[in-house]
């Protein structure tokens, strides 16, 4: 608590608090809170994965409402510290815990954390 008061007295910004949290595993990447170790491309990395939160059927051309066909996609968001993964881009493949995903979007938040949107075919 004293550390937080010290930061406040020094006119710290939200970005300063976030950076401190990300660097010290205070909450976000803390294994007792949100963080878990995941195998990302063969490397064990402390990260946060919010996955399979919604499945969506992507229609294949020629479908009708009477006989729907398509591919069910599961989606998830992976948060990883920027220093854990050097480069990642949309449309590349990424293996997470042995499952193959396609990167739908990848961007660095506030210079500290990758936010990686992943998609995988279910059927």
Protein backbone atom coordinates (compact mmCIF):
# COMPACT_ATOMS: atom_id res chain seq x y z
CA UNK A 1 0.00 0.00 0.00
CA UNK A 2 2.85 2.38 0.82
CA UNK A 3 4.28 1.83 -2.69
CA UNK A 4 0.98 2.91 -4.19
CA UNK A 5 0.92 6.02 -2.01
CA UNK A 6 4.49 6.81 -3.04
CA UNK A 7 3.49 6.56 -6.70
CA UNK A 8 0.50 8.82 -6.07
CA UNK A 9 2.65 11.44 -4.35
CA UNK A 10 4.97 11.43 -7.38
CA UNK A 11 1.99 12.16 -9.66
CA UNK A 12 2.10 8.77 -11.34
CA UNK A 13 -0.23 8.16 -14.25
CA UNK A 14 -2.42 5.16 -14.98
CA UNK A 15 0.22 4.06 -17.46
CA UNK A 16 2.77 4.03 -14.62
CA UNK A 17 0.49 1.84 -12.50
CA UNK A 18 -0.15 -0.51 -15.42
CA UNK A 19 3.57 -0.78 -16.20
CA UNK A 20 4.32 -1.58 -12.58
CA UNK A 21 1.62 -4.25 -12.52
CA UNK A 22 2.82 -5.86 -15.76
CA UNK A 23 6.47 -5.87 -14.67
CA UNK A 24 5.85 -7.14 -11.14
CA UNK A 25 3.07 -9.68 -11.85
CA UNK A 26 0.98 -7.85 -9.24
CA UNK A 27 -2.44 -8.80 -10.59
CA UNK A 28 -2.81 -9.27 -14.32
CA UNK A 29 -0.06 -11.85 -14.92
CA UNK A 30 -0.06 -13.18 -11.36
CA UNK A 31 -0.55 -16.99 -11.47
CA UNK A 32 -2.79 -16.70 -8.40
CA UNK A 33 -5.04 -14.19 -10.16
CA UNK A 34 -5.49 -14.19 -13.96
CA UNK A 35 -2.16 -15.46 -15.29
CA UNK A 36 -1.45 -19.02 -16.28
CA UNK A 37 1.47 -20.72 -17.97
CA UNK A 38 0.65 -21.61 -21.57
CA UNK A 39 2.70 -23.31 -24.25
CA UNK A 40 2.98 -20.71 -27.01
CA UNK A 41 4.82 -22.04 -30.03
CA UNK A 42 6.80 -24.46 -27.88
CA UNK A 43 7.73 -21.86 -25.24
CA UNK A 44 6.23 -21.87 -21.73
CA UNK A 45 4.94 -18.34 -21.16
CA UNK A 46 3.01 -16.72 -18.32
CA UNK A 47 0.00 -15.19 -20.07
CA UNK A 48 -3.74 -14.66 -19.94
CA UNK A 49 -6.03 -16.47 -22.39
CA UNK A 50 -9.72 -15.74 -22.58
CA UNK A 51 -10.81 -18.37 -25.03
CA UNK A 52 -13.71 -20.09 -26.64
CA UNK A 53 -15.93 -17.34 -25.32
CA UNK A 54 -18.18 -17.38 -28.36
CA UNK A 55 -18.50 -19.74 -31.25
CA UNK A 56 -19.80 -18.44 -34.54
CA UNK A 57 -20.96 -20.30 -37.61
CA UNK A 58 -19.42 -18.90 -40.75
CA UNK A 59 -21.68 -19.63 -43.70
CA UNK A 60 -20.38 -21.28 -46.83
CA UNK A 61 -21.71 -19.88 -50.12
CA UNK A 62 -24.87 -21.45 -51.44
CA UNK A 63 -26.35 -22.06 -47.99
CA UNK A 64 -30.03 -21.74 -47.34
CA UNK A 65 -31.83 -21.29 -44.06
CA UNK A 66 -33.42 -24.70 -44.48
CA UNK A 67 -30.09 -26.53 -44.64
CA UNK A 68 -27.42 -24.39 -42.98
CA UNK A 69 -23.85 -25.44 -43.54
CA UNK A 70 -20.72 -23.81 -42.38
CA UNK A 71 -17.66 -23.82 -40.26
CA UNK A 72 -17.86 -23.14 -36.55
CA UNK A 73 -15.06 -20.90 -35.36
CA UNK A 74 -14.01 -20.51 -31.77
CA UNK A 75 -12.34 -17.28 -30.80
CA UNK A 76 -10.14 -16.16 -27.99
CA UNK A 77 -7.92 -13.34 -26.86
CA UNK A 78 -4.38 -13.97 -25.66
CA UNK A 79 -2.51 -11.38 -23.59
CA UNK A 80 1.27 -11.75 -23.43
CA UNK A 81 3.94 -9.37 -22.18
CA UNK A 82 5.65 -7.62 -25.08
CA UNK A 83 9.08 -8.91 -24.08
CA UNK A 84 7.89 -12.55 -24.31
CA UNK A 85 6.96 -12.46 -28.03
CA UNK A 86 8.98 -10.28 -30.35
CA UNK A 87 6.88 -10.26 -33.49
CA UNK A 88 3.47 -11.49 -34.44
CA UNK A 89 1.13 -10.49 -37.24
CA UNK A 90 -2.37 -11.11 -38.52
CA UNK A 91 -2.99 -14.25 -40.59
CA UNK A 92 -0.04 -16.17 -39.18
CA UNK A 93 -0.52 -19.51 -37.42
CA UNK A 94 0.08 -19.79 -33.70
CA UNK A 95 0.10 -22.97 -31.64
CA UNK A 96 -1.32 -22.45 -28.15
CA UNK A 97 -1.29 -25.39 -25.75
CA UNK A 98 -1.02 -27.77 -28.69
CA UNK A 99 -3.98 -26.31 -30.60
CA UNK A 100 -3.47 -24.51 -33.89
CA UNK A 101 -4.98 -21.02 -34.18
CA UNK A 102 -4.89 -18.28 -36.80
CA UNK A 103 -4.02 -14.79 -35.60
CA UNK A 104 -6.94 -12.52 -36.53
CA UNK A 105 -5.36 -9.40 -35.03
CA UNK A 106 -2.26 -8.57 -33.01
CA UNK A 107 -1.34 -5.27 -31.40
CA UNK A 108 0.69 -4.01 -28.47
CA UNK A 109 -1.23 -2.18 -25.76
CA UNK A 110 0.52 0.75 -24.12
CA UNK A 111 3.87 -0.69 -25.21
CA UNK A 112 3.71 -3.47 -22.61
CA UNK A 113 1.29 -6.22 -23.62
CA UNK A 114 0.39 -8.02 -26.81
CA UNK A 115 -3.35 -8.41 -27.38
CA UNK A 116 -3.70 -11.28 -29.84
CA UNK A 117 -7.09 -12.23 -31.23
CA UNK A 118 -7.13 -15.92 -32.22
CA UNK A 119 -9.50 -18.04 -34.27
CA UNK A 120 -9.72 -21.80 -34.74
CA UNK A 121 -11.98 -24.00 -36.82
CA UNK A 122 -14.17 -26.32 -34.77
CA UNK A 123 -15.77 -28.28 -37.59
